[in-house]
Amino acid sequence: IDFDLILENIKDLNSLVREGISQIEHTPRGARLRRPEPLPFTLYQNGIVVGNGAFRPYQHPATQQCLQDIMDGYFPSELQPRYPDGV
């Protein structure tokens, strides 16, 4: 696992989010712009934790797919169902 590439790509993806459009949050008196909440992504020597999820070892196929998406320069595809408007 190329940790340097993963960290570099995560920084690039984070910069894309910062440059993106804020989300519209509806309030009782109208609406306001709101930045999306960050999603923690923790790398360990033997696995990862995404958000408040469970620890996932690197050998797990879903973990490998998640890391491959990041190494390819994309947001992890597993996040699309939970965050259809982006994260």
Protein backbone atom coordinates (compact mmCIF):
# COMPACT_ATOMS: atom_id res chain seq x y z
CA ILE A 1 0.00 0.00 0.00
CA ASP A 2 1.42 3.34 -1.07
CA PHE A 3 0.55 5.51 1.93
CA ASP A 4 2.23 8.57 0.40
CA LEU A 5 0.04 8.33 -2.72
CA ILE A 6 -3.09 7.82 -0.62
CA LEU A 7 -2.32 10.87 1.54
CA GLU A 8 -1.45 13.00 -1.50
CA ASN A 9 -4.69 12.03 -3.26
CA ILE A 10 -6.75 12.66 -0.13
CA LYS A 11 -5.24 16.17 0.06
CA ASP A 12 -6.13 16.73 -3.60
CA LEU A 13 -9.69 15.48 -3.06
CA ASN A 14 -10.05 17.70 0.02
CA SER A 15 -8.95 20.72 -1.98
CA LEU A 16 -11.66 19.94 -4.56
CA VAL A 17 -14.28 19.90 -1.82
CA ARG A 18 -13.07 23.24 -0.42
CA GLU A 19 -13.37 24.79 -3.87
CA GLY A 20 -16.83 23.32 -4.40
CA ILE A 21 -20.20 24.89 -3.88
CA SER A 22 -21.66 24.97 -0.39
CA GLN A 23 -24.86 23.08 0.23
CA ILE A 24 -28.20 24.80 0.73
CA GLU A 25 -29.68 24.25 4.17
CA HIS A 26 -33.36 25.09 4.55
CA THR A 27 -34.29 26.94 7.73
CA PRO A 28 -37.68 28.02 9.15
CA ARG A 29 -37.06 31.55 7.81
CA GLY A 30 -35.57 30.63 4.44
CA ALA A 31 -32.26 29.03 3.60
CA ARG A 32 -28.53 29.47 4.13
CA LEU A 33 -25.34 28.12 2.65
CA ARG A 34 -23.56 25.44 4.63
CA ARG A 35 -20.32 23.61 4.04
CA PRO A 36 -20.58 19.82 4.17
CA GLU A 37 -19.36 18.14 7.35
CA PRO A 38 -15.96 16.45 6.96
CA LEU A 39 -15.78 12.66 6.92
CA PRO A 40 -12.89 11.33 9.01
CA PHE A 41 -10.69 8.79 7.27
CA THR A 42 -8.12 7.10 9.51
CA LEU A 43 -5.24 4.99 8.24
CA TYR A 44 -3.68 2.44 10.55
CA GLN A 45 -0.78 0.07 10.04
CA ASN A 46 -3.18 -2.83 9.45
CA GLY A 47 -6.43 -1.21 8.25
CA ILE A 48 -8.71 1.83 7.99
CA VAL A 49 -11.72 3.43 9.62
CA VAL A 50 -14.08 5.55 7.49
CA GLY A 51 -16.27 7.96 9.42
CA ASN A 52 -17.63 6.38 12.57
CA GLY A 53 -17.59 2.95 10.95
CA ALA A 54 -15.91 -0.22 12.08
CA PHE A 55 -12.23 -1.00 11.67
CA ARG A 56 -11.58 -2.63 8.30
CA PRO A 57 -8.41 -4.62 7.65
CA TYR A 58 -6.52 -4.01 4.40
CA GLN A 59 -7.21 -7.57 3.29
CA HIS A 60 -10.97 -6.97 3.14
CA PRO A 61 -12.20 -6.56 -0.50
CA ALA A 62 -14.27 -3.44 0.32
CA THR A 63 -11.22 -1.82 1.92
CA GLN A 64 -9.10 -2.64 -1.11
CA GLN A 65 -11.72 -1.09 -3.42
CA CYS A 66 -11.94 2.02 -1.25
CA LEU A 67 -8.17 2.50 -1.31
CA GLN A 68 -7.98 1.78 -5.04
CA ASP A 69 -10.57 4.48 -5.71
CA ILE A 70 -8.47 6.96 -3.71
CA MET A 71 -5.22 5.88 -5.38
CA ASP A 72 -6.93 6.39 -8.76
CA GLY A 73 -7.81 9.96 -7.68
CA TYR A 74 -11.52 9.43 -7.01
CA PHE A 75 -13.74 9.68 -3.97
CA PRO A 76 -14.50 6.15 -2.73
CA SER A 77 -17.47 4.75 -4.66
CA GLU A 78 -18.84 3.22 -1.45
CA LEU A 79 -19.74 6.72 -0.26
CA GLN A 80 -22.13 7.47 -3.13
CA PRO A 81 -25.24 5.83 -1.60
CA ARG A 82 -24.75 7.65 1.74
CA TYR A 83 -23.63 10.95 0.21
CA PRO A 84 -25.31 11.32 -3.21
CA ASP A 85 -24.59 15.07 -3.24
CA GLY A 86 -20.92 14.60 -2.33
CA VAL A 87 -18.91 14.52 0.85
